[in-house]
Amino acid sequence: MTKMEPGNEHIENLIDAYLAWLKEDGRSAPAGIYWQRVWDMIVRDVERQHRPRLPLVLSGMWYSSHQDKQDRLKEHLLFSFNRGKLFHALAMLERIPSEGWCHVQPERENDWNRPMADEAQFEDWDENDG
């Protein structure tokens, strides 16, 4: 996990407030290519061994909870601050359309800590479905 340097706790508070606002709006993190683009921007010119962990996209999206996604997004935002790119990252996030986010369904908001693969879209599926 990316750590803040002493004296920058206010930035971590700002990031926490942003993430709380996303959660209140029913969003956990960007989906797919949107998150990948933000990550690509924040790691540009950073050697691979110094980069934060990858975004939770592709299979990572389905087998991680909304909380896992927010934790990883926080890691990326803290990293972007340390690289002088936080406000650019936030601006990119704000331009993502609604369909470009992982959403928590209101009736399933208690499932914040369950992987998305456990969600309702799979409840009626069986091996005979094509």
Protein backbone atom coordinates (compact mmCIF):
# COMPACT_ATOMS: atom_id res chain seq x y z
CA MET A 1 0.00 0.00 0.00
CA THR A 2 1.27 3.46 -0.88
CA LYS A 3 1.96 5.52 2.24
CA MET A 4 1.66 9.26 2.75
CA GLU A 5 4.68 11.25 3.82
CA PRO A 6 4.33 12.89 7.25
CA GLY A 7 2.52 16.21 7.01
CA ASN A 8 0.31 15.19 4.07
CA GLU A 9 -2.50 13.59 6.09
CA HIS A 10 -4.90 16.22 4.73
CA ILE A 11 -4.47 14.70 1.26
CA GLU A 12 -5.37 11.25 2.57
CA ASN A 13 -8.45 12.83 4.21
CA LEU A 14 -9.38 14.41 0.85
CA ILE A 15 -9.02 11.04 -0.90
CA ASP A 16 -11.08 9.32 1.81
CA ALA A 17 -13.81 11.95 1.41
CA TYR A 18 -13.82 11.42 -2.38
CA LEU A 19 -14.11 7.65 -1.95
CA ALA A 20 -16.92 8.09 0.61
CA TRP A 21 -18.75 10.29 -1.90
CA LEU A 22 -18.36 7.60 -4.59
CA LYS A 23 -19.71 4.97 -2.20
CA GLU A 24 -22.65 7.18 -1.25
CA ASP A 25 -23.36 7.52 -4.98
CA GLY A 26 -23.34 3.71 -5.35
CA ARG A 27 -19.97 3.54 -7.14
CA SER A 28 -16.88 1.69 -6.00
CA ALA A 29 -14.27 2.16 -8.73
CA PRO A 30 -13.96 2.68 -12.46
CA ALA A 31 -14.63 -0.36 -14.61
CA GLY A 32 -12.37 -1.90 -17.24
CA ILE A 33 -10.63 0.36 -19.70
CA TYR A 34 -11.54 3.50 -17.74
CA TRP A 35 -9.55 2.38 -14.71
CA GLN A 36 -6.75 1.10 -16.93
CA ARG A 37 -6.44 4.55 -18.56
CA VAL A 38 -6.20 6.30 -15.19
CA TRP A 39 -3.59 3.78 -14.04
CA ASP A 40 -1.61 4.17 -17.29
CA MET A 41 -1.47 7.93 -16.72
CA ILE A 42 -0.30 7.71 -13.10
CA VAL A 43 2.45 5.14 -13.83
CA ARG A 44 3.75 6.79 -17.00
CA ASP A 45 7.53 7.17 -16.65
CA VAL A 46 7.63 4.95 -13.52
CA GLU A 47 9.78 1.85 -13.55
CA ARG A 48 7.73 -1.33 -13.22
CA GLN A 49 9.15 -2.29 -9.82
CA HIS A 50 8.07 1.08 -8.37
CA ARG A 51 4.48 0.98 -9.64
CA PRO A 52 1.43 0.31 -7.46
CA ARG A 53 -0.52 -2.90 -7.92
CA LEU A 54 -2.60 -3.21 -11.09
CA PRO A 55 -6.23 -2.05 -11.29
CA LEU A 56 -8.86 -4.66 -10.48
CA VAL A 57 -10.10 -5.14 -14.01
CA LEU A 58 -10.91 -8.24 -16.08
CA SER A 59 -11.13 -11.21 -13.70
CA GLY A 60 -9.94 -9.01 -10.84
CA MET A 61 -13.15 -7.02 -11.16
CA TRP A 62 -15.40 -10.05 -10.68
CA TYR A 63 -13.50 -11.75 -7.89
CA SER A 64 -12.99 -8.73 -5.68
CA SER A 65 -15.47 -6.89 -3.51
CA HIS A 66 -16.47 -3.27 -3.91
CA GLN A 67 -14.39 -2.56 -0.80
CA ASP A 68 -11.37 -4.24 -2.42
CA LYS A 69 -11.84 -1.99 -5.44
CA GLN A 70 -12.06 1.15 -3.31
CA ASP A 71 -8.94 0.12 -1.39
CA ARG A 72 -7.03 -0.36 -4.64
CA LEU A 73 -8.33 2.92 -6.05
CA LYS A 74 -7.17 4.67 -2.88
CA GLU A 75 -3.74 3.12 -3.34
CA HIS A 76 -3.65 4.51 -6.88
CA LEU A 77 -4.79 7.97 -5.79
CA LEU A 78 -2.17 8.11 -3.02
CA PHE A 79 0.47 7.05 -5.54
CA SER A 80 -0.71 9.71 -7.98
CA PHE A 81 -0.38 12.37 -5.25
CA ASN A 82 3.18 11.26 -4.53
CA ARG A 83 3.91 11.65 -8.27
CA GLY A 84 2.25 15.08 -8.52
CA LYS A 85 -0.68 13.70 -10.53
CA LEU A 86 -3.56 13.53 -8.05
CA PHE A 87 -5.66 16.31 -9.52
CA HIS A 88 -5.13 14.99 -13.04
CA ALA A 89 -6.26 11.55 -11.84
CA LEU A 90 -9.35 13.04 -10.14
CA ALA A 91 -10.18 15.00 -13.29
CA MET A 92 -9.98 11.81 -15.34
CA LEU A 93 -12.24 10.00 -12.87
CA GLU A 94 -14.80 12.79 -13.01
CA ARG A 95 -15.02 12.47 -16.81
CA ILE A 96 -15.92 8.77 -16.68
CA PRO A 97 -19.55 8.22 -17.72
CA SER A 98 -21.94 6.42 -15.40
CA GLU A 99 -21.67 3.16 -17.35
CA GLY A 100 -17.88 3.25 -16.84
CA TRP A 101 -18.17 2.55 -13.10
CA CYS A 102 -18.69 -0.54 -10.95
CA HIS A 103 -22.05 0.12 -9.31
CA VAL A 104 -23.50 -1.28 -6.12
CA GLN A 105 -27.17 -2.04 -6.61
CA PRO A 106 -29.22 -0.23 -3.90
CA GLU A 107 -30.97 -3.45 -2.84
CA ARG A 108 -27.54 -5.11 -2.44
CA GLU A 109 -25.67 -2.34 -0.62
CA ASN A 110 -25.06 -4.71 2.31
CA ASP A 111 -22.92 -6.77 -0.08
CA TRP A 112 -20.16 -4.14 -0.21
CA ASN A 113 -17.61 -6.71 0.99
CA ARG A 114 -18.70 -9.61 -1.27
CA PRO A 115 -17.08 -10.31 -4.66
CA MET A 116 -19.16 -9.15 -7.62
CA ALA A 117 -19.20 -12.72 -8.97
CA ASP A 118 -21.56 -13.54 -6.10
CA GLU A 119 -24.08 -10.93 -7.24
CA ALA A 120 -27.57 -11.48 -8.59
CA GLN A 121 -26.71 -11.75 -12.30
CA PHE A 122 -25.54 -15.31 -11.64
CA GLU A 123 -28.42 -16.48 -9.43
CA ASP A 124 -30.54 -17.87 -12.30
CA TRP A 125 -27.69 -19.21 -14.40
CA ASP A 126 -27.06 -22.90 -14.84
CA GLU A 127 -24.83 -25.04 -17.03
CA ASN A 128 -27.57 -25.37 -19.68
CA ASP A 129 -27.62 -21.63 -20.37
CA GLY A 130 -25.87 -20.67 -23.58
